């Protein structure tokens, strides 16, 4: 626009000069002054540049200067070519056409969540074996062309980045590209492989893993301290991030095409089926963990392993494996799995299981599953600890000894043997039960006999005691009767002596009549004479009543 204005002023001056020749001298003088004023105004206006607030002016000198030295892009001392000085917002004068050209570019705005990656087109060359220029203390000093060139700024990728904001810079010197800021998600850490900073030496403290040093943050190499979850404004070109999962990892290895056998068939049927499988099997099953026992049986084992990588151990694994979570193709399985699994987890599991299996017979391996789980768990834990991987548990699932015809035959034989053993045990238990029952019945009979014998013995003792008691009672009664008889005899004798025999008999008779023991009506006819007739009759009556009547026939 300034150039168009300049030519417009020149055209007006030329037309004015032709018109000046037709005017009087006084008028021509005034017009000359006016013409020179217009010419001067045209020169000033034609050399002006207007820069808006969101723009920057890049000056390119076309004439009146020395050529740039070889390899130099930005003029430092007024040489022809792109100038280091940039034009900010406002009016700028002195940039005459045919001498300077001014290119107007937009300022750059780095949005939130991104960073500005800067590349310098001019400056001192990078040191040998360096990929990035040393970091600047201030990003503004790096973007200031005069400061950048005066302080020995290096051409090429810069380590220092631009955080979110608006920047005015010399687009002929610097190129700025917005790249995403680094976000570290929960459950992960980021290990940084630094391509910028101090060189590590053996005198520095730190681990050396596979020739890769674990270094502090201001050194070149793998940083020994990972970045924890959060956001980071970091030059991911100079500081290459590797994301490592810190959550629990579970690896499951089981039969890919295995079908669980149905209910056991008779031994002959099982052997026939095994023979058919041997004849028709394509042998293309894909087992993740396959072992071979001491007695020559090969079979797969279902295994699950739970492990984790602690945040502090992530740098070691990155130095050892590169990216442990990168996906590669396993050479044996032909499947895509993680590097950590392919190079450490799976080889360790296979080797340890095979080492344990080769010390046992197949049936022993099957029968000792829980012991094998504990033993293998200890060995895998120790093996993974060598690589700073924490093992949280090893679990043994199905042991597929019946996956092959030979294994099926072995299990069939074992099953038949177990059935026979169980039947023998059942027979022995039944025999023991019968023997116990016979002993019980015999014991019951003996107990009953003992009870009866005891009862008989007790009865004998009771009867003996009763007999003794009756003897004693009879003896006592006899003695009592004797004593009573003797007393009565003495009393009767004394009474007879006193009253006489006849009087005593009459008294006794009257006593019996009073007691109702003698009937008054006589049942005996008493006749005859003599002194004892009446007495004899009474005595006969008394004896008759004292004798009990004969039982009826």
Protein backbone atom coordinates (compact mmCIF):
# COMPACT_ATOMS: atom_id res chain seq x y z
CA UNK A 1 0.00 0.00 0.00
CA UNK A 2 2.86 2.34 0.84
CA UNK A 3 4.37 1.66 -2.59
CA UNK A 4 1.11 2.57 -4.36
CA UNK A 5 0.90 5.75 -2.35
CA UNK A 6 4.51 6.61 -3.29
CA UNK A 7 3.84 6.20 -7.02
CA UNK A 8 0.67 8.22 -6.72
CA UNK A 9 2.60 11.11 -5.21
CA UNK A 10 5.21 10.86 -8.00
CA UNK A 11 2.47 10.98 -10.62
CA UNK A 12 0.96 14.04 -9.03
CA UNK A 13 4.37 15.74 -8.93
CA UNK A 14 4.98 14.95 -12.61
CA UNK A 15 1.60 16.36 -13.64
CA UNK A 16 2.23 19.40 -11.49
CA UNK A 17 5.60 20.01 -13.20
CA UNK A 18 4.01 20.04 -16.65
CA UNK A 19 1.34 22.36 -15.44
CA UNK A 20 3.97 24.58 -13.74
CA UNK A 21 5.45 25.74 -17.07
CA UNK A 22 2.21 27.49 -18.05
CA UNK A 23 1.98 29.57 -14.83
CA UNK A 24 3.58 32.98 -13.89
CA UNK A 25 6.91 33.02 -12.03
CA UNK A 26 5.41 33.75 -8.57
CA UNK A 27 2.88 31.00 -8.94
CA UNK A 28 5.54 28.64 -10.20
CA UNK A 29 7.67 29.30 -7.07
CA UNK A 30 4.78 28.53 -4.77
CA UNK A 31 3.95 25.41 -6.69
CA UNK A 32 7.58 24.25 -6.60
CA UNK A 33 7.59 24.54 -2.83
CA UNK A 34 4.32 22.65 -2.74
CA UNK A 35 5.68 20.03 -5.08
CA UNK A 36 8.75 19.43 -2.98
CA UNK A 37 6.59 19.22 0.11
CA UNK A 38 4.37 16.67 -1.58
CA UNK A 39 7.40 14.77 -2.74
CA UNK A 40 8.81 14.68 0.78
CA UNK A 41 5.43 13.64 2.12
CA UNK A 42 5.29 10.92 -0.48
CA UNK A 43 8.71 9.64 0.53
CA UNK A 44 7.72 9.54 4.17
CA UNK A 45 4.40 7.91 3.51
CA UNK A 46 5.87 5.48 1.05
CA UNK A 47 8.42 4.26 3.64
CA UNK A 48 5.86 3.69 6.40
CA UNK A 49 4.61 0.31 7.69
CA UNK A 50 1.59 -0.16 9.95
CA UNK A 51 1.53 -3.21 12.26
CA UNK A 52 -1.64 -4.24 14.11
CA UNK A 53 -1.77 -5.63 17.64
CA UNK A 54 -1.93 -9.26 16.51
CA UNK A 55 0.76 -8.90 13.84
CA UNK A 56 4.52 -8.81 13.55
CA UNK A 57 6.64 -7.27 10.80
CA UNK A 58 9.56 -9.23 9.33
CA UNK A 59 12.01 -6.92 7.55
CA UNK A 60 13.97 -8.08 4.50
CA UNK A 61 16.73 -5.78 3.21
CA UNK A 62 17.05 -5.95 -0.59
CA UNK A 63 19.68 -3.36 -1.47
CA UNK A 64 22.51 -1.32 -0.01
CA UNK A 65 24.25 -3.88 2.15
CA UNK A 66 26.83 -6.65 2.18
CA UNK A 67 25.78 -10.17 1.31
CA UNK A 68 25.15 -12.61 4.18
CA UNK A 69 28.06 -14.88 5.05
CA UNK A 70 27.79 -18.48 3.95
CA UNK A 71 25.57 -20.49 6.26
CA UNK A 72 24.04 -17.40 7.84
CA UNK A 73 20.32 -16.73 7.40
CA UNK A 74 19.62 -13.70 9.61
CA UNK A 75 21.51 -10.41 9.15
CA UNK A 76 23.23 -9.24 12.24
CA UNK A 77 25.07 -6.09 11.03
CA UNK A 78 22.84 -4.66 8.30
CA UNK A 79 23.65 -7.25 5.63
CA UNK A 80 21.13 -7.88 2.91
CA UNK A 81 18.51 -10.49 3.72
CA UNK A 82 16.13 -11.12 6.66
CA UNK A 83 16.89 -8.76 9.50
CA UNK A 84 16.99 -9.81 13.14
CA UNK A 85 14.88 -6.84 14.23
CA UNK A 86 11.12 -7.33 14.08
CA UNK A 87 8.41 -4.65 13.88
CA UNK A 88 5.85 -4.47 16.63
CA UNK A 89 2.39 -2.85 16.61
CA UNK A 90 2.22 0.77 15.35
CA UNK A 91 3.62 2.99 12.56
CA UNK A 92 7.14 2.39 11.32
CA UNK A 93 8.98 4.68 8.85
CA UNK A 94 12.13 4.54 6.80
CA UNK A 95 11.44 1.28 5.02
CA UNK A 96 11.63 2.64 1.50
CA UNK A 97 10.40 0.56 -1.40
CA UNK A 98 13.07 -1.11 -3.54
CA UNK A 99 15.29 -1.12 -0.42
CA UNK A 100 13.22 -3.05 2.14
CA UNK A 101 10.32 -5.41 2.01
CA UNK A 102 8.25 -6.03 5.10
CA UNK A 103 6.29 -9.25 5.53
CA UNK A 104 3.51 -9.12 8.03
CA UNK A 105 2.79 -12.35 9.93
CA UNK A 106 0.39 -13.21 12.68
CA UNK A 107 1.59 -13.65 16.22
CA UNK A 108 1.25 -17.21 17.53
CA UNK A 109 -1.03 -18.26 20.35
CA UNK A 110 -0.27 -21.51 22.16
CA UNK A 111 -3.62 -22.78 23.46
CA UNK A 112 -4.20 -24.31 26.86
CA UNK A 113 -3.22 -27.97 27.04
CA UNK A 114 -0.46 -27.52 24.47
CA UNK A 115 3.11 -26.30 24.34
CA UNK A 116 5.10 -24.54 21.65
CA UNK A 117 7.99 -26.50 20.18
CA UNK A 118 10.62 -24.11 18.80
CA UNK A 119 13.13 -24.72 16.02
CA UNK A 120 15.80 -22.11 15.17
CA UNK A 121 16.85 -21.67 11.54
CA UNK A 122 20.02 -19.75 12.39
CA UNK A 123 22.60 -19.63 15.15
CA UNK A 124 25.63 -21.60 16.23
CA UNK A 125 25.66 -25.23 15.16
CA UNK A 126 24.70 -27.87 17.69
CA UNK A 127 27.55 -29.52 19.57
CA UNK A 128 28.69 -32.89 18.31
CA UNK A 129 26.39 -35.78 19.30
CA UNK A 130 23.76 -33.34 20.55
CA UNK A 131 20.20 -33.51 19.22
CA UNK A 132 18.77 -30.41 20.93
CA UNK A 133 20.04 -26.98 21.85
CA UNK A 134 20.72 -26.34 25.53
CA UNK A 135 17.79 -25.04 27.54
CA UNK A 136 17.31 -21.32 28.06
CA UNK A 137 16.53 -19.78 31.41
CA UNK A 138 13.86 -17.63 29.75
CA UNK A 139 11.70 -18.39 26.73
CA UNK A 140 11.48 -14.65 25.97
CA UNK A 141 15.28 -14.41 25.65
CA UNK A 142 15.18 -17.38 23.28
CA UNK A 143 12.55 -15.67 21.10
CA UNK A 144 14.33 -12.28 21.08
CA UNK A 145 16.42 -12.44 17.88
CA UNK A 146 19.13 -10.03 19.05
CA UNK A 147 19.54 -11.84 22.39
CA UNK A 148 19.36 -15.26 20.79
CA UNK A 149 22.09 -14.48 18.25
CA UNK A 150 24.23 -12.43 20.62
CA UNK A 151 24.30 -15.11 23.32
CA UNK A 152 25.25 -17.92 20.99
CA UNK A 153 21.87 -19.49 20.41
CA UNK A 154 22.05 -22.87 18.65
CA UNK A 155 20.27 -23.64 15.44
CA UNK A 156 17.99 -26.63 15.32
CA UNK A 157 15.44 -28.00 17.79
CA UNK A 158 15.31 -26.12 21.05
CA UNK A 159 14.89 -27.78 24.42
CA UNK A 160 13.00 -24.82 25.89
CA UNK A 161 9.30 -24.80 25.06
CA UNK A 162 6.59 -22.13 25.07
CA UNK A 163 3.84 -22.57 27.63
CA UNK A 164 0.26 -21.50 26.75
CA UNK A 165 0.07 -17.81 25.75
CA UNK A 166 0.61 -15.36 22.84
CA UNK A 167 4.11 -14.81 21.43
CA UNK A 168 5.60 -12.30 18.94
CA UNK A 169 8.76 -13.62 17.29
CA UNK A 170 10.83 -13.44 14.16
CA UNK A 171 9.28 -16.06 11.90
CA UNK A 172 12.39 -15.91 9.67
CA UNK A 173 14.53 -17.06 12.61
CA UNK A 174 12.22 -19.31 14.62
CA UNK A 175 9.55 -21.80 13.72
CA UNK A 176 6.99 -22.64 16.40
CA UNK A 177 4.75 -25.71 16.33
CA UNK A 178 2.06 -26.37 18.92
CA UNK A 179 2.16 -29.91 20.34
CA UNK A 180 -0.01 -31.43 23.09
CA UNK A 181 1.18 -31.09 26.66
CA UNK A 182 1.90 -34.38 28.40
CA UNK A 183 -0.85 -35.89 30.53
CA UNK A 184 -0.02 -38.78 32.87
CA UNK A 185 -3.18 -40.79 33.55
CA UNK A 186 -4.07 -42.44 36.85
CA UNK A 187 -2.73 -45.97 37.15
CA UNK A 188 0.34 -45.11 35.07
CA UNK A 189 3.66 -43.36 35.34
CA UNK A 190 5.80 -41.84 32.62
CA UNK A 191 9.48 -42.63 32.28
CA UNK A 192 11.48 -39.96 30.47
CA UNK A 193 14.35 -40.72 28.12
CA UNK A 194 16.15 -37.40 27.93
CA UNK A 195 17.99 -36.38 24.76
CA UNK A 196 19.12 -33.08 26.24
CA UNK A 197 21.18 -32.16 29.28
CA UNK A 198 24.46 -33.12 30.90
CA UNK A 199 26.36 -36.19 29.85
CA UNK A 200 26.36 -39.05 32.35
CA UNK A 201 29.72 -40.46 33.38
CA UNK A 202 30.70 -43.48 35.40
CA UNK A 203 31.69 -41.13 38.21
CA UNK A 204 28.05 -40.11 38.58
CA UNK A 205 25.91 -42.17 40.89
CA UNK A 206 23.23 -44.24 39.21
CA UNK A 207 22.38 -47.65 37.78
CA UNK A 208 23.52 -48.83 34.40
CA UNK A 209 21.00 -51.20 32.80
CA UNK A 210 21.88 -52.80 29.48
CA UNK A 211 24.31 -49.95 28.92
CA UNK A 212 21.54 -47.39 29.54
CA UNK A 213 22.16 -45.15 32.56
CA UNK A 214 19.45 -44.22 35.05
CA UNK A 215 20.23 -40.55 35.63
CA UNK A 216 18.92 -37.46 37.44
CA UNK A 217 16.56 -35.11 35.60
CA UNK A 218 19.24 -32.75 34.26
CA UNK A 219 21.19 -35.53 32.49
CA UNK A 220 20.95 -37.35 29.18
CA UNK A 221 19.58 -40.85 29.61
CA UNK A 222 16.63 -42.49 31.34
CA UNK A 223 15.44 -40.47 34.29
CA UNK A 224 15.63 -42.55 37.46
CA UNK A 225 12.54 -40.82 38.84
CA UNK A 226 9.29 -41.30 36.87
CA UNK A 227 6.59 -38.69 36.44
CA UNK A 228 3.51 -39.45 38.50
CA UNK A 229 -0.09 -38.80 37.33
CA UNK A 230 -0.77 -35.18 36.39
CA UNK A 231 -0.16 -32.64 33.60
CA UNK A 232 3.30 -31.54 32.46
CA UNK A 233 4.49 -28.79 30.08
CA UNK A 234 7.39 -30.71 28.66
CA UNK A 235 9.18 -30.88 25.34
CA UNK A 236 8.23 -34.42 24.40
CA UNK A 237 10.60 -34.26 21.43
CA UNK A 238 13.60 -33.66 23.69
CA UNK A 239 12.21 -35.69 26.59
CA UNK A 240 10.68 -38.81 25.08
CA UNK A 241 7.97 -40.22 27.35
CA UNK A 242 7.23 -43.92 27.88
CA UNK A 243 3.97 -44.76 29.63
CA UNK A 244 4.14 -47.70 32.05
CA UNK A 245 1.08 -49.21 33.74
CA UNK A 246 1.28 -49.53 37.51
CA UNK A 247 -2.05 -51.29 37.96
CA UNK A 248 -2.21 -55.05 38.49
CA UNK A 249 -1.52 -57.12 35.39
CA UNK A 250 -3.21 -60.50 35.04
CA UNK A 251 -1.96 -63.01 32.48
CA UNK A 252 -4.09 -66.08 31.77
CA UNK A 253 -2.79 -69.09 29.87
CA UNK A 254 -5.22 -71.89 29.11
CA UNK A 255 -6.20 -74.34 26.42
CA UNK A 256 -7.42 -72.55 23.31
CA UNK A 257 -9.44 -75.38 21.73
CA UNK A 258 -9.94 -77.69 24.70
CA UNK A 259 -13.35 -79.32 25.28
CA UNK A 260 -13.97 -80.79 28.71
CA UNK A 261 -14.64 -84.55 28.56
CA UNK A 262 -18.15 -85.81 29.35
CA UNK A 263 -19.05 -88.27 32.10
CA UNK A 264 -16.63 -91.22 32.40
CA UNK A 265 -17.41 -94.15 30.15
CA UNK A 266 -16.44 -97.77 30.79
CA UNK A 267 -12.76 -98.55 30.46
CA UNK A 268 -13.10 -100.32 27.11
CA UNK A 269 -15.11 -97.45 25.62
CA UNK A 270 -12.57 -94.90 26.85
CA UNK A 271 -9.66 -96.80 25.33
CA UNK A 272 -11.49 -97.09 22.00
CA UNK A 273 -12.24 -93.37 21.99
CA UNK A 274 -8.61 -92.60 22.75
CA UNK A 275 -7.52 -94.75 19.82
CA UNK A 276 -9.90 -92.86 17.50
CA UNK A 277 -8.54 -89.52 18.73
CA UNK A 278 -5.01 -90.71 18.10
CA UNK A 279 -5.93 -91.68 14.55
CA UNK A 280 -7.89 -88.55 13.62
CA UNK A 281 -6.44 -85.71 15.72
CA UNK A 282 -4.94 -82.85 13.71
CA UNK A 283 -2.68 -82.06 16.65
CA UNK A 284 -3.15 -78.33 16.14
CA UNK A 285 -4.30 -77.39 19.64
CA UNK A 286 -2.69 -74.20 20.93
CA UNK A 287 -1.57 -74.51 24.54
CA UNK A 288 0.04 -71.55 26.26
CA UNK A 289 1.81 -73.60 28.97
CA UNK A 290 2.63 -77.20 28.10
CA UNK A 291 4.73 -79.48 30.31
CA UNK A 292 6.28 -82.94 30.08
CA UNK A 293 6.34 -85.23 33.10
CA UNK A 294 9.15 -87.53 34.21
CA UNK A 295 7.33 -90.55 32.81
CA UNK A 296 7.01 -88.98 29.35
CA UNK A 297 3.47 -87.55 29.31
CA UNK A 298 2.96 -84.14 27.68
CA UNK A 299 -0.09 -82.09 28.65
CA UNK A 300 -1.20 -78.46 29.03
CA UNK A 301 -1.80 -76.63 32.29
CA UNK A 302 -4.15 -73.68 32.84
CA UNK A 303 -2.21 -70.94 34.64
CA UNK A 304 -3.05 -67.44 35.81
CA UNK A 305 -0.41 -65.01 37.05
CA UNK A 306 -1.09 -61.67 38.74
CA UNK A 307 1.78 -59.18 38.93
CA UNK A 308 2.47 -55.45 38.96
CA UNK A 309 5.17 -52.91 38.20
CA UNK A 310 5.75 -50.43 41.01
CA UNK A 311 6.28 -46.80 40.00
CA UNK A 312 9.82 -46.72 41.37
CA UNK A 313 10.78 -49.76 39.24
CA UNK A 314 9.34 -48.46 35.96
CA UNK A 315 12.61 -46.68 34.86
CA UNK A 316 14.53 -49.95 35.30
CA UNK A 317 12.13 -51.82 33.00
CA UNK A 318 12.23 -49.04 30.41
CA UNK A 319 16.02 -49.18 30.39
CA UNK A 320 15.87 -52.98 30.15
CA UNK A 321 13.03 -53.48 27.65
CA UNK A 322 12.41 -50.13 26.02
CA UNK A 323 8.64 -49.88 26.28
CA UNK A 324 7.33 -52.76 28.46
CA UNK A 325 3.75 -52.12 27.34
CA UNK A 326 4.48 -52.05 23.63
CA UNK A 327 2.81 -54.87 21.69
CA UNK A 328 4.96 -57.40 19.83
CA UNK A 329 4.33 -60.79 18.26
CA UNK A 330 5.29 -63.78 20.35
CA UNK A 331 7.56 -66.11 18.39
CA UNK A 332 6.13 -69.33 19.83
CA UNK A 333 2.41 -68.51 19.94
CA UNK A 334 2.27 -66.11 17.00
CA UNK A 335 0.04 -63.81 19.06
CA UNK A 336 0.46 -60.10 19.77
CA UNK A 337 1.31 -59.57 23.43
CA UNK A 338 3.10 -56.98 25.54
CA UNK A 339 6.89 -56.80 25.55
CA UNK A 340 6.97 -57.41 29.31
CA UNK A 341 4.88 -60.55 28.91
CA UNK A 342 6.73 -61.79 25.82
CA UNK A 343 10.25 -61.34 27.22
CA UNK A 344 9.88 -61.92 30.96
CA UNK A 345 6.51 -63.16 32.22
CA UNK A 346 5.69 -65.95 29.76
CA UNK A 347 9.24 -67.39 29.40
CA UNK A 348 9.60 -67.49 33.19
CA UNK A 349 6.27 -69.26 33.66
CA UNK A 350 6.97 -71.83 30.96
CA UNK A 351 10.48 -72.61 32.18
CA UNK A 352 9.51 -72.96 35.85
CA UNK A 353 6.47 -75.15 35.17
CA UNK A 354 8.50 -77.41 32.88
CA UNK A 355 11.31 -77.68 35.43
CA UNK A 356 8.85 -78.71 38.13
CA UNK A 357 6.95 -81.15 35.89
CA UNK A 358 10.06 -83.02 34.80
CA UNK A 359 10.70 -84.08 38.42
CA UNK A 360 7.30 -85.79 38.82
CA UNK A 361 5.19 -88.49 37.23
CA UNK A 362 2.08 -87.30 35.42
CA UNK A 363 -0.35 -88.62 38.03
CA UNK A 364 1.80 -87.20 40.79
CA UNK A 365 1.69 -83.79 39.09
CA UNK A 366 -2.11 -83.99 38.89
CA UNK A 367 -2.57 -85.15 42.47
CA UNK A 368 -0.25 -82.52 43.94
CA UNK A 369 -1.81 -79.49 42.26
CA UNK A 370 -1.97 -77.35 45.41
CA UNK A 371 1.65 -78.14 46.32
CA UNK A 372 2.75 -77.33 42.77
CA UNK A 373 0.85 -74.04 42.91
CA UNK A 374 2.71 -73.03 46.08
CA UNK A 375 6.09 -74.21 44.77
CA UNK A 376 5.74 -72.53 41.38
CA UNK A 377 4.45 -69.37 43.04
CA UNK A 378 7.60 -69.10 45.14
CA UNK A 379 9.89 -69.64 42.16
CA UNK A 380 8.07 -67.23 39.87
CA UNK A 381 8.00 -64.58 42.59
CA UNK A 382 11.75 -64.89 43.01
CA UNK A 383 12.36 -64.91 39.24
CA UNK A 384 10.23 -61.82 38.54
CA UNK A 385 11.88 -59.99 41.44
CA UNK A 386 15.12 -60.15 39.46
CA UNK A 387 13.44 -57.89 36.91
CA UNK A 388 11.84 -55.71 39.62
CA UNK A 389 8.37 -57.00 38.85
CA UNK A 390 6.15 -57.77 41.84
CA UNK A 391 4.29 -61.09 41.70
CA UNK A 392 0.94 -60.99 43.49
CA UNK A 393 -0.02 -64.63 42.96
CA UNK A 394 0.23 -67.72 40.74
CA UNK A 395 -2.87 -69.87 40.33
CA UNK A 396 -2.98 -73.33 38.74
CA UNK A 397 -6.30 -74.22 37.11
CA UNK A 398 -7.12 -77.39 35.22
CA UNK A 399 -4.36 -79.85 34.47
CA UNK A 400 -5.38 -81.34 31.12
CA UNK A 401 -3.72 -84.74 31.34
CA UNK A 402 -6.68 -86.08 29.34
CA UNK A 403 -5.87 -83.80 26.40
CA UNK A 404 -3.99 -86.61 24.64
CA UNK A 405 -4.93 -90.27 24.01
CA UNK A 406 -2.03 -91.48 26.17
CA UNK A 407 -3.18 -89.27 29.01
CA UNK A 408 -6.74 -90.51 28.66
CA UNK A 409 -5.57 -94.12 28.87
CA UNK A 410 -3.48 -93.32 31.95
CA UNK A 411 -6.41 -91.64 33.64
CA UNK A 412 -8.70 -94.52 32.65
CA UNK A 413 -6.30 -97.00 34.30
CA UNK A 414 -6.06 -94.76 37.32
CA UNK A 415 -9.85 -94.46 37.47
CA UNK A 416 -10.31 -98.23 37.28
CA UNK A 417 -7.69 -98.70 39.97
CA UNK A 418 -9.39 -96.17 42.18
CA UNK A 419 -12.76 -97.83 41.61
CA UNK A 420 -11.28 -101.20 42.57
CA UNK A 421 -9.60 -99.72 45.63
CA UNK A 422 -12.83 -98.03 46.66
CA UNK A 423 -14.76 -101.27 46.18
CA UNK A 424 -12.18 -103.12 48.30
CA UNK A 425 -12.48 -100.43 50.94
CA UNK A 426 -16.27 -100.72 50.80
CA UNK A 427 -16.03 -104.53 51.19
CA UNK A 428 -13.63 -104.12 54.10
CA UNK A 429 -15.94 -101.62 55.71
CA UNK A 430 -18.94 -103.93 55.23
CA UNK A 431 -16.94 -106.82 56.67
CA UNK A 432 -15.93 -104.73 59.63
CA UNK A 433 -19.54 -103.66 60.06
CA UNK A 434 -20.74 -107.30 60.07
CA UNK A 435 -18.02 -108.30 62.50
CA UNK A 436 -18.92 -105.39 64.68
CA UNK A 437 -22.60 -106.34 64.47
CA UNK A 438 -21.82 -109.97 65.41
CA UNK A 439 -19.75 -108.77 68.34
CA UNK A 440 -22.59 -106.51 69.32
CA UNK A 441 -25.18 -109.32 69.19
CA UNK A 442 -22.84 -111.62 71.12
CA UNK A 443 -22.27 -108.93 73.65
CA UNK A 444 -26.04 -108.43 73.95
CA UNK A 445 -26.58 -112.16 74.51
CA UNK A 446 -23.79 -112.35 77.04
CA UNK A 447 -25.21 -109.34 78.77
CA UNK A 448 -28.68 -110.93 78.85
CA UNK A 449 -27.21 -114.17 80.22
CA UNK A 450 -25.28 -112.24 82.78
CA UNK A 451 -28.47 -110.41 83.72
CA UNK A 452 -30.41 -113.69 84.09
CA UNK A 453 -27.54 -115.30 86.02
CA UNK A 454 -27.39 -112.32 88.30
CA UNK A 455 -31.16 -112.45 88.74
CA UNK A 456 -31.03 -116.19 89.53
CA UNK A 457 -28.21 -115.71 91.98
CA UNK A 458 -30.11 -112.88 93.58
CA UNK A 459 -33.30 -115.02 93.72
CA UNK A 460 -31.36 -117.85 95.34
CA UNK A 461 -29.99 -115.44 97.86
CA UNK A 462 -33.43 -113.99 98.46
CA UNK A 463 -35.01 -117.45 98.87
CA UNK A 464 -32.22 -118.47 101.18
CA UNK A 465 -32.76 -115.41 103.21
CA UNK A 466 -36.53 -116.01 103.15
CA UNK A 467 -35.98 -119.59 104.28
CA UNK A 468 -33.76 -118.42 107.08
CA UNK A 469 -36.38 -115.86 107.94
CA UNK A 470 -39.17 -118.51 107.99
CA UNK A 471 -37.02 -120.85 110.06
CA UNK A 472 -36.32 -118.08 112.45
CA UNK A 473 -39.98 -117.08 112.52
CA UNK A 474 -41.11 -120.73 113.01
CA UNK A 475 -38.50 -121.20 115.65
CA UNK A 476 -39.64 -118.02 117.30
CA UNK A 477 -43.28 -119.05 117.13
CA UNK A 478 -42.45 -122.50 118.48
CA UNK A 479 -40.54 -121.04 121.33
CA UNK A 480 -43.39 -118.57 121.87
CA UNK A 481 -45.96 -121.38 121.91
CA UNK A 482 -43.83 -123.34 124.29
CA UNK A 483 -43.55 -120.38 126.57
CA UNK A 484 -47.27 -119.60 126.25
CA UNK A 485 -48.14 -123.31 126.73
CA UNK A 486 -45.89 -123.55 129.75
CA UNK A 487 -47.44 -120.41 131.16
CA UNK A 488 -50.94 -121.62 130.51
CA UNK A 489 -50.11 -125.04 131.88
CA UNK A 490 -48.77 -123.49 135.06
CA UNK A 491 -51.79 -121.22 135.29
CA UNK A 492 -54.22 -124.06 134.62
CA UNK A 493 -52.46 -126.33 137.11
CA UNK A 494 -52.60 -123.62 139.70
CA UNK A 495 -56.28 -123.02 138.92
CA UNK A 496 -57.07 -126.75 139.13
CA UNK A 497 -55.29 -126.98 142.39
CA UNK A 498 -57.32 -124.09 143.67
CA UNK A 499 -60.82 -124.72 142.22
CA UNK A 500 -60.69 -128.20 141.05
CA UNK A 501 -60.71 -129.71 137.61
CA UNK A 502 -64.43 -129.66 137.17
CA UNK A 503 -64.79 -126.04 138.09
CA UNK A 504 -61.99 -124.97 135.80
CA UNK A 505 -63.59 -126.79 132.87
CA UNK A 506 -66.85 -125.06 133.47
CA UNK A 507 -65.17 -121.67 133.59
CA UNK A 508 -63.43 -122.31 130.28
CA UNK A 509 -66.69 -123.44 128.74
CA UNK A 510 -68.49 -120.32 129.84
CA UNK A 511 -65.64 -118.20 128.49
CA UNK A 512 -65.98 -119.80 125.07
CA UNK A 513 -69.74 -119.31 125.08
CA UNK A 514 -69.30 -115.66 125.93
CA UNK A 515 -66.79 -115.22 123.11
CA UNK A 516 -69.25 -116.91 120.69
CA UNK A 517 -66.95 -119.70 119.87
CA UNK A 518 -69.23 -122.46 121.20
CA UNK A 519 -72.77 -123.15 120.09
CA UNK A 520 -75.25 -123.52 122.87
CA UNK A 521 -77.34 -126.05 120.90
CA UNK A 522 -75.48 -129.27 121.27
CA UNK A 523 -74.57 -131.19 118.22
CA UNK A 524 -73.45 -134.20 120.21
CA UNK A 525 -75.84 -136.34 122.10
CA UNK A 526 -74.36 -137.02 125.45
CA UNK A 527 -75.76 -139.96 127.41
CA UNK A 528 -74.57 -142.16 130.09
CA UNK A 529 -73.84 -141.81 133.68
CA UNK A 530 -70.94 -141.42 135.86
CA UNK A 531 -69.22 -138.45 137.38
CA UNK A 532 -67.59 -137.37 134.13
CA UNK A 533 -70.65 -137.45 131.91
CA UNK A 534 -71.39 -133.80 131.76
CA UNK A 535 -67.78 -132.83 131.54
CA UNK A 536 -67.12 -135.34 128.86
CA UNK A 537 -70.03 -134.00 126.83
CA UNK A 538 -68.71 -130.42 127.03
CA UNK A 539 -65.25 -131.47 126.08
CA UNK A 540 -66.62 -133.35 123.08
CA UNK A 541 -68.55 -130.35 121.94
CA UNK A 542 -65.50 -128.13 122.27
CA UNK A 543 -63.40 -130.56 120.28
CA UNK A 544 -66.09 -130.83 117.64
CA UNK A 545 -66.15 -127.09 117.09
CA UNK A 546 -62.41 -126.79 117.08
CA UNK A 547 -62.13 -129.37 114.27
CA UNK A 548 -62.77 -127.69 110.89
CA UNK A 549 -65.42 -129.25 108.67
CA UNK A 550 -64.35 -131.48 105.80
CA UNK A 551 -64.30 -129.87 102.37
CA UNK A 552 -67.26 -130.56 100.12
CA UNK A 553 -66.82 -133.15 97.39
